[in-house]
Each structure stands twice: as C-alpha cells, then as structure tokens.
C-alpha cells in the first residue's frame, strides 16, 4: 500500500515514459476490484502489451480519492469520486481511440 506522495511520484515518473505530455491524454480512476488489470483490459478496453497504464494500491480510500482528485484538477479525464467511495486502487492510462472511458 502506498501513500499519497508515493503514488504521485510513481505516476508522474511512469507518465514520463508514455510519450504524452498533456494530462488530458490520460484517464484516472479508482476501483475496489483487486483485479485492476482485468478492469483495465476488460472494462476500459486496453490491449495487453500495446497500452500504457499504471496502478497502485493506496493506503486508504481517502488517499485514493485525493490522488484521483489531484489528477482530475490537472486535467486528466475521469469522474469525481463520491466522498464515501471505498475504492483503494488508483489507476491511469493513456486514452486512445480504442479505450473506453467510463
């Protein structure tokens, strides 16, 4: 489990490797599903080995919401979390014509 600052550091470093520089090129989300990769590939339509993505398990649902809200404020795509959202996993990916944002 990671802290707020650890997740930001990880995502920021990982985003540099994506070749994208605008926050609007990314989608950020949270989930309670421990199968985050399944969510990315089955729900959002990412393609294994061909899509850029990252995820972390936050140390609390509050931390996950704070991370998500931080990136939404910077311009990433996604929907704001409800204040009682129990999700503890935070993920982001590069939006492409084949990804599904929901």
PDB file of N, CA and C in Angstrom:
ATOM      1  N   UNK A   1       0.833  -1.178   0.000  1.00  0.00           N
ATOM      2  CA  UNK A   1       0.000   0.000   0.000  1.00  0.00           C
ATOM      3  C   UNK A   1       0.881   1.247   0.000  1.00  0.00           C
ATOM      4  N   UNK A   2       0.440   2.242  -0.732  1.00  0.00           N
ATOM      5  CA  UNK A   2       1.263   3.428  -0.931  1.00  0.00           C
ATOM      6  C   UNK A   2       0.588   4.691  -0.406  1.00  0.00           C
ATOM      7  N   UNK A   3       1.416   5.644  -0.019  1.00  0.00           N
ATOM      8  CA  UNK A   3       0.927   6.934   0.454  1.00  0.00           C
ATOM      9  C   UNK A   3       0.603   7.834  -0.738  1.00  0.00           C
ATOM     10  N   UNK A   4      -0.025   8.942  -0.442  1.00  0.00           N
ATOM     11  CA  UNK A   4      -0.372   9.939  -1.456  1.00  0.00           C
ATOM     12  C   UNK A   4       0.869  10.357  -2.245  1.00  0.00           C
ATOM     13  N   UNK A   5       1.908  10.772  -1.553  1.00  0.00           N
ATOM     14  CA  UNK A   5       3.124  11.229  -2.228  1.00  0.00           C
ATOM     15  C   UNK A   5       3.800  10.127  -3.022  1.00  0.00           C
ATOM     16  N   UNK A   6       3.812   8.903  -2.500  1.00  0.00           N
ATOM     17  CA  UNK A   6       4.418   7.784  -3.224  1.00  0.00           C
ATOM     18  C   UNK A   6       3.681   7.510  -4.536  1.00  0.00           C
ATOM     19  N   UNK A   7       2.358   7.579  -4.490  1.00  0.00           N
ATOM     20  CA  UNK A   7       1.575   7.331  -5.712  1.00  0.00           C
ATOM     21  C   UNK A   7       1.814   8.438  -6.729  1.00  0.00           C
ATOM     22  N   UNK A   8       1.803   9.688  -6.273  1.00  0.00           N
ATOM     23  CA  UNK A   8       2.066  10.799  -7.199  1.00  0.00           C
ATOM     24  C   UNK A   8       3.435  10.653  -7.835  1.00  0.00           C
ATOM     25  N   UNK A   9       4.446  10.347  -7.030  1.00  0.00           N
ATOM     26  CA  UNK A   9       5.798  10.166  -7.571  1.00  0.00           C
ATOM     27  C   UNK A   9       5.830   9.044  -8.608  1.00  0.00           C
ATOM     28  N   UNK A  10       5.213   7.913  -8.283  1.00  0.00           N
ATOM     29  CA  UNK A  10       5.192   6.767  -9.198  1.00  0.00           C
ATOM     30  C   UNK A  10       4.472   7.114 -10.497  1.00  0.00           C
ATOM     31  N   UNK A  11       3.263   7.678 -10.397  1.00  0.00           N
ATOM     32  CA  UNK A  11       2.505   8.016 -11.601  1.00  0.00           C
ATOM     33  C   UNK A  11       3.248   9.058 -12.436  1.00  0.00           C
ATOM     34  N   UNK A  12       3.793  10.082 -11.797  1.00  0.00           N
ATOM     35  CA  UNK A  12       4.488  11.134 -12.545  1.00  0.00           C
ATOM     36  C   UNK A  12       5.697  10.576 -13.288  1.00  0.00           C
ATOM     37  N   UNK A  13       6.477   9.736 -12.621  1.00  0.00           N
ATOM     38  CA  UNK A  13       7.633   9.118 -13.290  1.00  0.00           C
ATOM     39  C   UNK A  13       7.180   8.215 -14.423  1.00  0.00           C
ATOM     40  N   UNK A  14       6.144   7.428 -14.166  1.00  0.00           N
ATOM     41  CA  UNK A  14       5.657   6.486 -15.175  1.00  0.00           C
ATOM     42  C   UNK A  14       5.065   7.226 -16.372  1.00  0.00           C
ATOM     43  N   UNK A  15       4.380   8.346 -16.121  1.00  0.00           N
ATOM     44  CA  UNK A  15       3.783   9.102 -17.219  1.00  0.00           C
ATOM     45  C   UNK A  15       4.837   9.645 -18.167  1.00  0.00           C
ATOM     46  N   UNK A  16       6.005   9.969 -17.642  1.00  0.00           N
ATOM     47  CA  UNK A  16       7.083  10.468 -18.495  1.00  0.00           C
ATOM     48  C   UNK A  16       7.439   9.446 -19.582  1.00  0.00           C
ATOM     49  N   UNK A  17       7.307   8.165 -19.265  1.00  0.00           N
ATOM     50  CA  UNK A  17       7.659   7.115 -20.225  1.00  0.00           C
ATOM     51  C   UNK A  17       6.584   6.891 -21.284  1.00  0.00           C
ATOM     52  N   UNK A  18       5.427   7.532 -21.120  1.00  0.00           N
ATOM     53  CA  UNK A  18       4.320   7.306 -22.048  1.00  0.00           C
ATOM     54  C   UNK A  18       4.472   8.061 -23.361  1.00  0.00           C
ATOM     55  N   UNK A  19       5.304   9.095 -23.359  1.00  0.00           N
ATOM     56  CA  UNK A  19       5.446   9.913 -24.557  1.00  0.00           C
ATOM     57  C   UNK A  19       4.344  10.951 -24.710  1.00  0.00           C
ATOM     58  N   UNK A  20       3.461  11.018 -23.732  1.00  0.00           N
ATOM     59  CA  UNK A  20       2.371  12.008 -23.736  1.00  0.00           C
ATOM     60  C   UNK A  20       2.671  13.050 -22.672  1.00  0.00           C
ATOM     61  N   UNK A  21       2.327  14.290 -22.957  1.00  0.00           N
ATOM     62  CA  UNK A  21       2.672  15.354 -22.026  1.00  0.00           C
ATOM     63  C   UNK A  21       1.465  16.126 -21.504  1.00  0.00           C
ATOM     64  N   UNK A  22       0.328  16.010 -22.155  1.00  0.00           N
ATOM     65  CA  UNK A  22      -0.885  16.691 -21.704  1.00  0.00           C
ATOM     66  C   UNK A  22      -1.660  15.770 -20.768  1.00  0.00           C
ATOM     67  N   UNK A  23      -2.061  16.303 -19.627  1.00  0.00           N
ATOM     68  CA  UNK A  23      -2.839  15.497 -18.691  1.00  0.00           C
ATOM     69  C   UNK A  23      -4.134  15.006 -19.329  1.00  0.00           C
ATOM     70  N   UNK A  24      -4.666  15.768 -20.274  1.00  0.00           N
ATOM     71  CA  UNK A  24      -5.915  15.366 -20.919  1.00  0.00           C
ATOM     72  C   UNK A  24      -5.753  14.112 -21.790  1.00  0.00           C
ATOM     73  N   UNK A  25      -4.527  13.666 -21.978  1.00  0.00           N
ATOM     74  CA  UNK A  25      -4.265  12.427 -22.724  1.00  0.00           C
ATOM     75  C   UNK A  25      -4.444  11.184 -21.862  1.00  0.00           C
ATOM     76  N   UNK A  26      -4.700  11.399 -20.554  1.00  0.00           N
ATOM     77  CA  UNK A  26      -4.793  10.291 -19.608  1.00  0.00           C
ATOM     78  C   UNK A  26      -6.171  10.224 -18.971  1.00  0.00           C
ATOM     79  N   UNK A  27      -6.519   9.028 -18.536  1.00  0.00           N
ATOM     80  CA  UNK A  27      -7.733   8.789 -17.754  1.00  0.00           C
ATOM     81  C   UNK A  27      -7.287   8.308 -16.389  1.00  0.00           C
ATOM     82  N   UNK A  28      -7.914   8.798 -15.324  1.00  0.00           N
ATOM     83  CA  UNK A  28      -7.616   8.349 -13.961  1.00  0.00           C
ATOM     84  C   UNK A  28      -8.894   7.812 -13.341  1.00  0.00           C
ATOM     85  N   UNK A  29      -8.760   6.707 -12.626  1.00  0.00           N
ATOM     86  CA  UNK A  29      -9.911   6.101 -11.977  1.00  0.00           C
ATOM     87  C   UNK A  29      -9.520   5.385 -10.709  1.00  0.00           C
ATOM     88  N   UNK A  30     -10.528   4.971  -9.970  1.00  0.00           N
ATOM     89  CA  UNK A  30     -10.317   4.170  -8.762  1.00  0.00           C
ATOM     90  C   UNK A  30     -11.228   2.953  -8.833  1.00  0.00           C
ATOM     91  N   UNK A  31     -10.844   1.920  -8.113  1.00  0.00           N
ATOM     92  CA  UNK A  31     -11.653   0.709  -8.092  1.00  0.00           C
ATOM     93  C   UNK A  31     -11.426  -0.055  -6.789  1.00  0.00           C
ATOM     94  N   UNK A  32     -12.418  -0.833  -6.416  1.00  0.00           N
ATOM     95  CA  UNK A  32     -12.288  -1.741  -5.275  1.00  0.00           C
ATOM     96  C   UNK A  32     -11.845  -3.119  -5.753  1.00  0.00           C
ATOM     97  N   UNK A  33     -11.899  -3.320  -7.046  1.00  0.00           N
ATOM     98  CA  UNK A  33     -11.570  -4.618  -7.641  1.00  0.00           C
ATOM     99  C   UNK A  33     -10.067  -4.896  -7.524  1.00  0.00           C
ATOM    100  N   UNK A  34      -9.703  -5.972  -6.857  1.00  0.00           N
ATOM    101  CA  UNK A  34      -8.284  -6.315  -6.723  1.00  0.00           C
ATOM    102  C   UNK A  34      -7.676  -6.763  -8.053  1.00  0.00           C
ATOM    103  N   UNK A  35      -8.509  -7.088  -9.020  1.00  0.00           N
ATOM    104  CA  UNK A  35      -8.036  -7.449 -10.355  1.00  0.00           C
ATOM    105  C   UNK A  35      -8.014  -6.187 -11.223  1.00  0.00           C
ATOM    106  N   UNK A  36      -7.109  -5.266 -10.894  1.00  0.00           N
ATOM    107  CA  UNK A  36      -7.045  -3.986 -11.597  1.00  0.00           C
ATOM    108  C   UNK A  36      -6.739  -4.201 -13.079  1.00  0.00           C
ATOM    109  N   UNK A  37      -5.857  -5.128 -13.384  1.00  0.00           N
ATOM    110  CA  UNK A  37      -5.529  -5.389 -14.791  1.00  0.00           C
ATOM    111  C   UNK A  37      -6.769  -5.857 -15.553  1.00  0.00           C
ATOM    112  N   UNK A  38      -7.574  -6.700 -14.922  1.00  0.00           N
ATOM    113  CA  UNK A  38      -8.817  -7.141 -15.547  1.00  0.00           C
ATOM    114  C   UNK A  38      -9.732  -5.966 -15.847  1.00  0.00           C
ATOM    115  N   UNK A  39      -9.796  -5.034 -14.903  1.00  0.00           N
ATOM    116  CA  UNK A  39     -10.615  -3.839 -15.114  1.00  0.00           C
ATOM    117  C   UNK A  39     -10.078  -3.019 -16.282  1.00  0.00           C
ATOM    118  N   UNK A  40      -8.768  -2.845 -16.319  1.00  0.00           N
ATOM    119  CA  UNK A  40      -8.171  -2.055 -17.394  1.00  0.00           C
ATOM    120  C   UNK A  40      -8.421  -2.700 -18.755  1.00  0.00           C
ATOM    121  N   UNK A  41      -8.217  -4.012 -18.847  1.00  0.00           N
ATOM    122  CA  UNK A  41      -8.333  -4.692 -20.132  1.00  0.00           C
ATOM    123  C   UNK A  41      -9.781  -5.010 -20.504  1.00  0.00           C
ATOM    124  N   UNK A  42     -10.608  -5.418 -19.539  1.00  0.00           N
ATOM    125  CA  UNK A  42     -11.972  -5.841 -19.845  1.00  0.00           C
ATOM    126  C   UNK A  42     -12.987  -4.700 -19.821  1.00  0.00           C
ATOM    127  N   UNK A  43     -12.817  -3.742 -18.939  1.00  0.00           N
ATOM    128  CA  UNK A  43     -13.780  -2.640 -18.836  1.00  0.00           C
ATOM    129  C   UNK A  43     -13.364  -1.455 -19.708  1.00  0.00           C
ATOM    130  N   UNK A  44     -12.083  -1.107 -19.660  1.00  0.00           N
ATOM    131  CA  UNK A  44     -11.630   0.083 -20.380  1.00  0.00           C
ATOM    132  C   UNK A  44     -11.055  -0.224 -21.763  1.00  0.00           C
ATOM    133  N   UNK A  45     -10.918  -1.482 -22.099  1.00  0.00           N
ATOM    134  CA  UNK A  45     -10.504  -1.863 -23.450  1.00  0.00           C
ATOM    135  C   UNK A  45      -9.034  -1.701 -23.775  1.00  0.00           C
ATOM    136  N   UNK A  46      -8.182  -1.636 -22.767  1.00  0.00           N
ATOM    137  CA  UNK A  46      -6.752  -1.563 -23.042  1.00  0.00           C
ATOM    138  C   UNK A  46      -6.296  -2.888 -23.635  1.00  0.00           C
ATOM    139  N   UNK A  47      -5.216  -2.838 -24.394  1.00  0.00           N
ATOM    140  CA  UNK A  47      -4.706  -4.051 -25.036  1.00  0.00           C
ATOM    141  C   UNK A  47      -3.385  -4.448 -24.393  1.00  0.00           C
ATOM    142  N   UNK A  48      -3.297  -5.670 -23.865  1.00  0.00           N
ATOM    143  CA  UNK A  48      -2.053  -6.124 -23.231  1.00  0.00           C
ATOM    144  C   UNK A  48      -0.861  -5.968 -24.181  1.00  0.00           C
ATOM    145  N   UNK A  49       0.206  -5.387 -23.655  1.00  0.00           N
ATOM    146  CA  UNK A  49       1.412  -5.213 -24.433  1.00  0.00           C
ATOM    147  C   UNK A  49       1.380  -4.061 -25.425  1.00  0.00           C
ATOM    148  N   UNK A  50       0.231  -3.418 -25.584  1.00  0.00           N
ATOM    149  CA  UNK A  50       0.113  -2.335 -26.557  1.00  0.00           C
ATOM    150  C   UNK A  50      -0.411  -1.044 -25.935  1.00  0.00           C
ATOM    151  N   UNK A  51      -0.780  -1.075 -24.663  1.00  0.00           N
ATOM    152  CA  UNK A  51      -1.346   0.094 -23.996  1.00  0.00           C
ATOM    153  C   UNK A  51      -0.447   0.520 -22.849  1.00  0.00           C
ATOM    154  N   UNK A  52      -0.448   1.822 -22.563  1.00  0.00           N
ATOM    155  CA  UNK A  52       0.295   2.354 -21.418  1.00  0.00           C
ATOM    156  C   UNK A  52      -0.673   2.485 -20.250  1.00  0.00           C
ATOM    157  N   UNK A  53      -0.275   1.976 -19.082  1.00  0.00           N
ATOM    158  CA  UNK A  53      -1.109   2.064 -17.898  1.00  0.00           C
ATOM    159  C   UNK A  53      -0.250   1.921 -16.649  1.00  0.00           C
ATOM    160  N   UNK A  54      -0.810   2.342 -15.518  1.00  0.00           N
ATOM    161  CA  UNK A  54      -0.147   2.205 -14.218  1.00  0.00           C
ATOM    162  C   UNK A  54      -1.228   2.134 -13.152  1.00  0.00           C
ATOM    163  N   UNK A  55      -0.915   1.463 -12.051  1.00  0.00           N
ATOM    164  CA  UNK A  55      -1.848   1.465 -10.925  1.00  0.00           C
ATOM    165  C   UNK A  55      -1.096   1.258  -9.622  1.00  0.00           C
ATOM    166  N   UNK A  56      -1.744   1.647  -8.530  1.00  0.00           N
ATOM    167  CA  UNK A  56      -1.194   1.485  -7.178  1.00  0.00           C
ATOM    168  C   UNK A  56      -2.331   1.208  -6.211  1.00  0.00           C
ATOM    169  N   UNK A  57      -2.010   0.522  -5.149  1.00  0.00           N
ATOM    170  CA  UNK A  57      -2.950   0.340  -4.053  1.00  0.00           C
ATOM    171  C   UNK A  57      -2.635   1.424  -3.023  1.00  0.00           C
ATOM    172  N   UNK A  58      -3.594   2.286  -2.759  1.00  0.00           N
ATOM    173  CA  UNK A  58      -3.411   3.368  -1.793  1.00  0.00           C
ATOM    174  C   UNK A  58      -3.539   2.833  -0.374  1.00  0.00           C
ATOM    175  N   UNK A  59      -2.975   3.580   0.571  1.00  0.00           N
ATOM    176  CA  UNK A  59      -3.043   3.147   1.965  1.00  0.00           C
ATOM    177  C   UNK A  59      -4.431   3.327   2.576  1.00  0.00           C
ATOM    178  N   UNK A  60      -5.333   4.013   1.871  1.00  0.00           N
ATOM    179  CA  UNK A  60      -6.714   4.173   2.331  1.00  0.00           C
ATOM    180  C   UNK A  60      -7.578   4.652   1.168  1.00  0.00           C
ATOM    181  N   UNK A  61      -8.886   4.473   1.270  1.00  0.00           N
ATOM    182  CA  UNK A  61      -9.767   5.016   0.234  1.00  0.00           C
ATOM    183  C   UNK A  61      -9.654   6.541   0.135  1.00  0.00           C
ATOM    184  N   UNK A  62      -9.444   7.210   1.260  1.00  0.00           N
ATOM    185  CA  UNK A  62      -9.291   8.665   1.239  1.00  0.00           C
ATOM    186  C   UNK A  62      -8.068   9.066   0.392  1.00  0.00           C
ATOM    187  N   UNK A  63      -6.972   8.347   0.553  1.00  0.00           N
ATOM    188  CA  UNK A  63      -5.774   8.624  -0.243  1.00  0.00           C
ATOM    189  C   UNK A  63      -6.061   8.407  -1.724  1.00  0.00           C
ATOM    190  N   UNK A  64      -6.748   7.328  -2.058  1.00  0.00           N
ATOM    191  CA  UNK A  64      -7.089   7.056  -3.461  1.00  0.00           C
ATOM    192  C   UNK A  64      -7.927   8.199  -4.032  1.00  0.00           C
ATOM    193  N   UNK A  65      -8.906   8.685  -3.274  1.00  0.00           N
ATOM    194  CA  UNK A  65      -9.737   9.802  -3.740  1.00  0.00           C
ATOM    195  C   UNK A  65      -8.910  11.064  -3.923  1.00  0.00           C
ATOM    196  N   UNK A  66      -7.990  11.341  -2.997  1.00  0.00           N
ATOM    197  CA  UNK A  66      -7.142  12.533  -3.093  1.00  0.00           C
ATOM    198  C   UNK A  66      -6.263  12.480  -4.344  1.00  0.00           C
ATOM    199  N   UNK A  67      -5.683  11.317  -4.617  1.00  0.00           N
ATOM    200  CA  UNK A  67      -4.845  11.162  -5.818  1.00  0.00           C
ATOM    201  C   UNK A  67      -5.689  11.398  -7.065  1.00  0.00           C
ATOM    202  N   UNK A  68      -6.835  10.754  -7.128  1.00  0.00           N
ATOM    203  CA  UNK A  68      -7.710  10.907  -8.292  1.00  0.00           C
ATOM    204  C   UNK A  68      -8.117  12.361  -8.470  1.00  0.00           C
ATOM    205  N   UNK A  69      -8.535  13.010  -7.392  1.00  0.00           N
ATOM    206  CA  UNK A  69      -8.949  14.413  -7.474  1.00  0.00           C
ATOM    207  C   UNK A  69      -7.801  15.316  -7.913  1.00  0.00           C
ATOM    208  N   UNK A  70      -6.601  15.015  -7.454  1.00  0.00           N
ATOM    209  CA  UNK A  70      -5.415  15.785  -7.843  1.00  0.00           C
ATOM    210  C   UNK A  70      -5.242  15.769  -9.364  1.00  0.00           C
ATOM    211  N   UNK A  71      -5.298  14.586  -9.938  1.00  0.00           N
ATOM    212  CA  UNK A  71      -5.099  14.469 -11.379  1.00  0.00           C
ATOM    213  C   UNK A  71      -6.286  15.002 -12.183  1.00  0.00           C
ATOM    214  N   UNK A  72      -7.485  14.874 -11.652  1.00  0.00           N
ATOM    215  CA  UNK A  72      -8.641  15.464 -12.331  1.00  0.00           C
ATOM    216  C   UNK A  72      -8.496  16.980 -12.390  1.00  0.00           C
ATOM    217  N   UNK A  73      -8.024  17.578 -11.305  1.00  0.00           N
ATOM    218  CA  UNK A  73      -7.819  19.031 -11.277  1.00  0.00           C
ATOM    219  C   UNK A  73      -6.752  19.466 -12.283  1.00  0.00           C
ATOM    220  N   UNK A  74      -5.787  18.597 -12.551  1.00  0.00           N
ATOM    221  CA  UNK A  74      -4.739  18.910 -13.530  1.00  0.00           C
ATOM    222  C   UNK A  74      -5.201  18.697 -14.970  1.00  0.00           C
ATOM    223  N   UNK A  75      -6.363  18.075 -15.146  1.00  0.00           N
ATOM    224  CA  UNK A  75      -6.917  17.912 -16.485  1.00  0.00           C
ATOM    225  C   UNK A  75      -7.064  16.497 -16.993  1.00  0.00           C
ATOM    226  N   UNK A  76      -6.734  15.496 -16.167  1.00  0.00           N
ATOM    227  CA  UNK A  76      -6.957  14.118 -16.618  1.00  0.00           C
ATOM    228  C   UNK A  76      -8.451  13.874 -16.775  1.00  0.00           C
ATOM    229  N   UNK A  77      -8.779  12.948 -17.623  1.00  0.00           N
ATOM    230  CA  UNK A  77     -10.171  12.542 -17.811  1.00  0.00           C
ATOM    231  C   UNK A  77     -10.572  11.614 -16.675  1.00  0.00           C
ATOM    232  N   UNK A  78     -11.864  11.555 -16.397  1.00  0.00           N
ATOM    233  CA  UNK A  78     -12.391  10.706 -15.340  1.00  0.00           C
ATOM    234  C   UNK A  78     -13.535  11.419 -14.651  1.00  0.00           C
ATOM    235  N   UNK A  79     -14.138  10.745 -13.699  1.00  0.00           N
ATOM    236  CA  UNK A  79     -15.249  11.339 -12.957  1.00  0.00           C
ATOM    237  C   UNK A  79     -14.871  11.471 -11.491  1.00  0.00           C
ATOM    238  N   UNK A  80     -15.322  12.541 -10.838  1.00  0.00           N
ATOM    239  CA  UNK A  80     -15.001  12.729  -9.421  1.00  0.00           C
ATOM    240  C   UNK A  80     -15.543  11.574  -8.572  1.00  0.00           C
ATOM    241  N   UNK A  81     -14.829  11.269  -7.517  1.00  0.00           N
ATOM    242  CA  UNK A  81     -15.252  10.209  -6.598  1.00  0.00           C
ATOM    243  C   UNK A  81     -16.284  10.743  -5.614  1.00  0.00           C
ATOM    244  N   UNK A  82     -17.182   9.886  -5.219  1.00  0.00           N
ATOM    245  CA  UNK A  82     -18.104  10.223  -4.133  1.00  0.00           C
ATOM    246  C   UNK A  82     -17.309  10.227  -2.829  1.00  0.00           C
ATOM    247  N   UNK A  83     -17.734  11.017  -1.877  1.00  0.00           N
ATOM    248  CA  UNK A  83     -16.988  11.140  -0.622  1.00  0.00           C
ATOM    249  C   UNK A  83     -16.954   9.840   0.177  1.00  0.00           C
ATOM    250  N   UNK A  84     -17.851   8.921  -0.124  1.00  0.00           N
ATOM    251  CA  UNK A  84     -17.873   7.639   0.587  1.00  0.00           C
ATOM    252  C   UNK A  84     -17.376   6.482  -0.279  1.00  0.00           C
ATOM    253  N   UNK A  85     -16.714   6.788  -1.375  1.00  0.00           N
ATOM    254  CA  UNK A  85     -16.198   5.765  -2.283  1.00  0.00           C
ATOM    255  C   UNK A  85     -15.167   4.900  -1.547  1.00  0.00           C
ATOM    256  N   UNK A  86     -15.387   3.582  -1.456  1.00  0.00           N
ATOM    257  CA  UNK A  86     -14.470   2.707  -0.723  1.00  0.00           C
ATOM    258  C   UNK A  86     -13.264   2.219  -1.539  1.00  0.00           C
ATOM    259  N   UNK A  87     -13.147   2.669  -2.783  1.00  0.00           N
ATOM    260  CA  UNK A  87     -12.075   2.189  -3.665  1.00  0.00           C
ATOM    261  C   UNK A  87     -10.704   2.539  -3.108  1.00  0.00           C
ATOM    262  N   UNK A  88      -9.795   1.585  -3.189  1.00  0.00           N
ATOM    263  CA  UNK A  88      -8.450   1.792  -2.673  1.00  0.00           C
ATOM    264  C   UNK A  88      -7.380   1.686  -3.765  1.00  0.00           C
ATOM    265  N   UNK A  89      -7.746   1.209  -4.944  1.00  0.00           N
ATOM    266  CA  UNK A  89      -6.803   1.122  -6.061  1.00  0.00           C
ATOM    267  C   UNK A  89      -6.993   2.332  -6.968  1.00  0.00           C
ATOM    268  N   UNK A  90      -5.883   2.954  -7.353  1.00  0.00           N
ATOM    269  CA  UNK A  90      -5.895   4.091  -8.274  1.00  0.00           C
ATOM    270  C   UNK A  90      -5.170   3.658  -9.540  1.00  0.00           C
ATOM    271  N   UNK A  91      -5.733   3.979 -10.693  1.00  0.00           N
ATOM    272  CA  UNK A  91      -5.087   3.616 -11.951  1.00  0.00           C
ATOM    273  C   UNK A  91      -5.196   4.770 -12.942  1.00  0.00           C
ATOM    274  N   UNK A  92      -4.314   4.765 -13.907  1.00  0.00           N
ATOM    275  CA  UNK A  92      -4.421   5.713 -15.009  1.00  0.00           C
ATOM    276  C   UNK A  92      -3.901   5.041 -16.271  1.00  0.00           C
ATOM    277  N   UNK A  93      -4.349   5.554 -17.391  1.00  0.00           N
ATOM    278  CA  UNK A  93      -3.902   5.014 -18.672  1.00  0.00           C
ATOM    279  C   UNK A  93      -3.992   6.095 -19.734  1.00  0.00           C
ATOM    280  N   UNK A  94      -3.280   5.869 -20.838  1.00  0.00           N
ATOM    281  CA  UNK A  94      -3.338   6.775 -21.979  1.00  0.00           C
ATOM    282  C   UNK A  94      -4.632   6.486 -22.736  1.00  0.00           C
ATOM    283  N   UNK A  95      -5.378   7.533 -23.004  1.00  0.00           N
ATOM    284  CA  UNK A  95      -6.611   7.418 -23.775  1.00  0.00           C
ATOM    285  C   UNK A  95      -6.254   7.300 -25.256  1.00  0.00           C
ATOM    286  N   UNK A  96      -6.866   6.335 -25.907  1.00  0.00           N
ATOM    287  CA  UNK A  96      -6.676   6.137 -27.348  1.00  0.00           C
ATOM    288  C   UNK A  96      -8.054   5.983 -27.990  1.00  0.00           C
ATOM    289  N   UNK A  97      -8.121   5.934 -29.304  1.00  0.00           N
ATOM    290  CA  UNK A  97      -9.406   5.740 -29.961  1.00  0.00           C
ATOM    291  C   UNK A  97     -10.082   4.407 -29.578  1.00  0.00           C
ATOM    292  N   UNK A  98      -9.323   3.446 -29.070  1.00  0.00           N
ATOM    293  CA  UNK A  98      -9.911   2.142 -28.740  1.00  0.00           C
ATOM    294  C   UNK A  98     -10.210   1.967 -27.245  1.00  0.00           C
ATOM    295  N   UNK A  99      -9.836   2.928 -26.392  1.00  0.00           N
ATOM    296  CA  UNK A  99     -10.139   2.782 -24.974  1.00  0.00           C
ATOM    297  C   UNK A  99     -11.560   3.274 -24.674  1.00  0.00           C
ATOM    298  N   UNK A 100     -12.097   2.787 -23.560  1.00  0.00           N
ATOM    299  CA  UNK A 100     -13.461   3.119 -23.163  1.00  0.00           C
ATOM    300  C   UNK A 100     -13.394   3.846 -21.823  1.00  0.00           C
ATOM    301  N   UNK A 101     -13.801   5.097 -21.827  1.00  0.00           N
ATOM    302  CA  UNK A 101     -13.772   5.891 -20.606  1.00  0.00           C
ATOM    303  C   UNK A 101     -15.144   5.845 -19.947  1.00  0.00           C
ATOM    304  N   UNK A 102     -15.199   5.184 -18.791  1.00  0.00           N
ATOM    305  CA  UNK A 102     -16.434   5.160 -18.014  1.00  0.00           C
ATOM    306  C   UNK A 102     -16.134   5.020 -16.559  1.00  0.00           C
TER     307      UNK A 102
END
